Amino acid sequence: MPKDNLHPELIKFKKFVKEHPGLVAEVRQGKQEWQYYFDQWSKLGETDQFWDDYRKDVISKNHKQSKSEEAENNEDNSNKQAWYKQMADLVNKIDLTNMEEHVNQLDSAFASVRSLIDQFKSSDAPNQASQSNPSPNQQAQTRPNQQPNYPQHPYYQNRTWF
C-alpha cells in the first residue's frame, strides 16, 4: 500500500513508533499487538506517562543499566569462583592423619566421661534399689499365694498358672 493512501492518524502513529522503539520490541516478542498500542495511543495521546518506558532515551538508559548489571553479575561469579577455589585449597591442606589423631583423642575423652557417669550411676543404684525395689525373695515372702505377673495379653487373661 503506498504511503499516500494511509490515513493521517496512521502516519502520525508510525512517526510515534519511530520515537518509541520499545513498542517494536514488545510486538516482536509477542507481548502485545499493534492494534492494542494504536488504541492506547488514540485514547491516551502521545504525552501520557504510559509511553515513557518505550522512548529511545529510556531504552538506552535501560541498556546501560543492563550492561552494568551484567558486569556486576560477572564480578559476583568471579568472587564465587575465587571463594570456591579458596575452600578447595583449604580442604586439600587438611592432614587426614592428624585429623584422625584428634578424633581418636576426642573419642577417648568421651569414653572417659561416659565411664565416670556410669560409675556415679552404679554407686547410687544399690542404695536406691535397696530402698525402693525389694529383691525377688522379698517379693515372694510378701505375696506367697499370688500368681506371677505375666503379660496382660487377651490369651493370657483368665488362665490359671501352675
Protein backbone atom coordinates (compact mmCIF):
# COMPACT_ATOMS: atom_id res chain seq x y z
CA MET A 1 0.00 0.00 0.00
CA PRO A 2 1.54 3.32 -0.97
CA LYS A 3 2.21 5.88 1.77
CA ASP A 4 -0.08 8.39 0.08
CA ASN A 5 -3.14 6.26 0.77
CA LEU A 6 -2.55 5.91 4.55
CA HIS A 7 -4.84 7.63 6.96
CA PRO A 8 -3.24 10.71 8.58
CA GLU A 9 -3.67 9.20 12.07
CA LEU A 10 -1.77 6.10 10.99
CA ILE A 11 1.07 8.23 9.60
CA LYS A 12 1.29 10.08 12.95
CA PHE A 13 1.31 6.72 14.78
CA LYS A 14 4.17 5.47 12.58
CA LYS A 15 6.22 8.57 13.49
CA PHE A 16 5.36 7.99 17.12
CA VAL A 17 6.54 4.37 16.89
CA LYS A 18 9.87 5.51 15.41
CA GLU A 19 10.36 7.70 18.50
CA HIS A 20 9.41 4.79 20.81
CA PRO A 21 11.36 1.72 19.63
CA GLY A 22 10.37 -0.18 22.76
CA LEU A 23 6.96 -0.71 21.16
CA VAL A 24 8.52 -2.55 18.23
CA ALA A 25 10.41 -4.83 20.64
CA GLU A 26 7.21 -5.61 22.59
CA VAL A 27 5.32 -6.52 19.41
CA ARG A 28 8.18 -8.66 18.06
CA GLN A 29 8.37 -10.53 21.36
CA GLY A 30 4.66 -11.23 21.10
CA LYS A 31 3.71 -9.41 24.30
CA GLN A 32 1.15 -7.17 22.58
CA GLU A 33 -0.23 -6.45 19.14
CA TRP A 34 -0.09 -3.23 17.12
CA GLN A 35 -3.83 -2.75 17.45
CA TYR A 36 -3.51 -2.54 21.26
CA TYR A 37 -0.81 0.14 21.04
CA PHE A 38 -2.71 2.08 18.38
CA ASP A 39 -5.83 2.07 20.58
CA GLN A 40 -3.78 3.23 23.60
CA TRP A 41 -2.18 5.95 21.51
CA SER A 42 -5.63 7.10 20.33
CA LYS A 43 -7.04 7.18 23.88
CA LEU A 44 -4.07 8.47 25.87
CA GLY A 45 -2.27 10.65 23.36
CA GLU A 46 1.47 10.94 22.78
CA THR A 47 2.39 12.67 26.06
CA ASP A 48 0.95 10.17 28.54
CA GLN A 49 3.22 8.52 31.14
CA PHE A 50 2.31 5.14 29.68
CA TRP A 51 4.77 5.74 26.82
CA ASP A 52 7.75 6.75 28.99
CA ASP A 53 9.18 3.23 29.14
CA TYR A 54 9.22 2.92 25.34
CA ARG A 55 11.12 6.11 24.43
CA LYS A 56 14.59 5.98 22.84
CA ASP A 57 16.40 7.73 25.69
CA VAL A 58 14.79 5.47 28.31
CA ILE A 59 15.71 2.37 26.33
CA SER A 60 19.33 3.49 26.04
CA LYS A 61 19.44 4.10 29.82
CA ASN A 62 17.96 0.64 30.42
CA HIS A 63 20.54 -0.81 28.06
CA LYS A 64 23.33 0.88 30.02
CA GLN A 65 21.84 -0.37 33.28
CA SER A 66 21.60 -3.91 31.96
CA LYS A 67 25.26 -3.75 30.90
CA SER A 68 26.27 -2.57 34.38
CA GLU A 69 24.14 -5.34 35.93
CA GLU A 70 25.86 -7.89 33.71
CA ALA A 71 29.24 -6.57 34.84
CA GLU A 72 28.15 -6.88 38.49
CA ASN A 73 26.92 -10.44 37.87
CA ASN A 74 30.23 -11.34 36.22
CA GLU A 75 32.07 -9.86 39.19
CA ASP A 76 29.87 -11.83 41.61
CA ASN A 77 30.55 -15.02 39.66
CA SER A 78 34.29 -14.39 39.74
CA ASN A 79 34.09 -13.75 43.50
CA LYS A 80 32.19 -17.01 43.99
CA GLN A 81 34.72 -18.91 41.91
CA ALA A 82 37.58 -17.42 43.95
CA TRP A 83 35.83 -18.41 47.18
CA TYR A 84 35.28 -21.98 45.93
CA LYS A 85 38.95 -22.17 44.96
CA GLN A 86 40.00 -20.99 48.42
CA MET A 87 37.76 -23.60 50.06
CA ALA A 88 39.14 -26.35 47.83
CA ASP A 89 42.71 -25.31 48.70
CA LEU A 90 41.84 -25.31 52.39
CA VAL A 91 40.34 -28.80 52.19
CA ASN A 92 43.41 -30.04 50.32
CA LYS A 93 45.70 -28.68 53.06
CA ILE A 94 43.99 -30.69 55.81
CA ASP A 95 46.22 -33.51 57.04
CA LEU A 96 43.93 -36.50 57.42
CA THR A 97 46.26 -38.48 59.71
CA ASN A 98 46.49 -35.52 62.07
CA MET A 99 42.72 -35.14 61.93
CA GLU A 100 42.28 -38.84 62.75
CA GLU A 101 44.51 -38.48 65.81
CA HIS A 102 42.41 -35.59 67.08
CA VAL A 103 39.19 -37.53 66.53
CA ASN A 104 40.60 -40.52 68.45
CA GLN A 105 41.58 -38.22 71.33
CA LEU A 106 38.07 -36.78 71.45
CA ASP A 107 36.61 -40.29 71.36
CA SER A 108 38.74 -41.39 74.31
CA ALA A 109 37.76 -38.25 76.23
CA PHE A 110 34.07 -39.01 75.65
CA ALA A 111 34.62 -42.62 76.72
CA SER A 112 36.23 -41.40 79.96
CA VAL A 113 33.29 -39.13 80.67
CA ARG A 114 30.86 -41.98 79.96
CA SER A 115 32.68 -44.34 82.32
CA LEU A 116 32.71 -41.66 85.02
CA ILE A 117 28.96 -41.16 84.65
CA ASP A 118 28.40 -44.94 84.77
CA GLN A 119 30.43 -45.15 88.00
CA PHE A 120 28.25 -42.49 89.62
CA LYS A 121 25.11 -44.27 88.44
CA SER A 122 26.30 -47.65 89.73
CA SER A 123 27.31 -46.21 93.13
CA ASP A 124 23.85 -44.65 93.54
CA ALA A 125 21.97 -47.68 92.17
CA PRO A 126 22.42 -50.13 95.14
CA ASN A 127 21.24 -47.51 97.62
CA GLN A 128 18.16 -46.73 95.59
CA ALA A 129 17.45 -50.37 94.72
CA SER A 130 17.51 -51.48 98.35
CA GLN A 131 15.14 -48.70 99.32
CA SER A 132 12.55 -48.85 96.56
CA ASN A 133 12.82 -52.25 94.83
CA PRO A 134 12.61 -55.32 97.02
CA SER A 135 14.54 -58.36 95.89
CA PRO A 136 12.67 -61.29 94.28
CA ASN A 137 12.93 -63.28 97.52
CA GLN A 138 11.37 -60.41 99.44
CA GLN A 139 8.55 -60.23 96.90
CA ALA A 140 7.84 -63.94 97.23
CA GLN A 141 7.69 -63.65 101.01
CA THR A 142 5.23 -60.75 100.95
CA ARG A 143 2.92 -62.31 98.34
CA PRO A 144 3.12 -66.09 98.71
CA ASN A 145 -0.25 -67.03 97.12
CA GLN A 146 -0.32 -64.57 94.21
CA GLN A 147 0.24 -65.56 90.61
CA PRO A 148 3.32 -64.24 88.85
CA ASN A 149 2.98 -61.01 86.88
CA TYR A 150 2.63 -62.19 83.28
CA PRO A 151 1.81 -60.05 80.27
CA GLN A 152 -1.80 -58.92 80.00
CA HIS A 153 -2.43 -60.24 76.52
CA PRO A 154 -6.02 -61.45 75.92
CA TYR A 155 -4.76 -65.01 75.53
CA TYR A 156 -3.20 -64.95 78.97
CA GLN A 157 -6.17 -63.44 80.82
CA ASN A 158 -8.20 -65.81 82.97
CA ARG A 159 -5.65 -68.60 82.68
CA THR A 160 -4.50 -70.44 85.68
CA TRP A 161 -0.81 -70.89 86.09
CA PHE A 162 0.69 -73.75 87.98
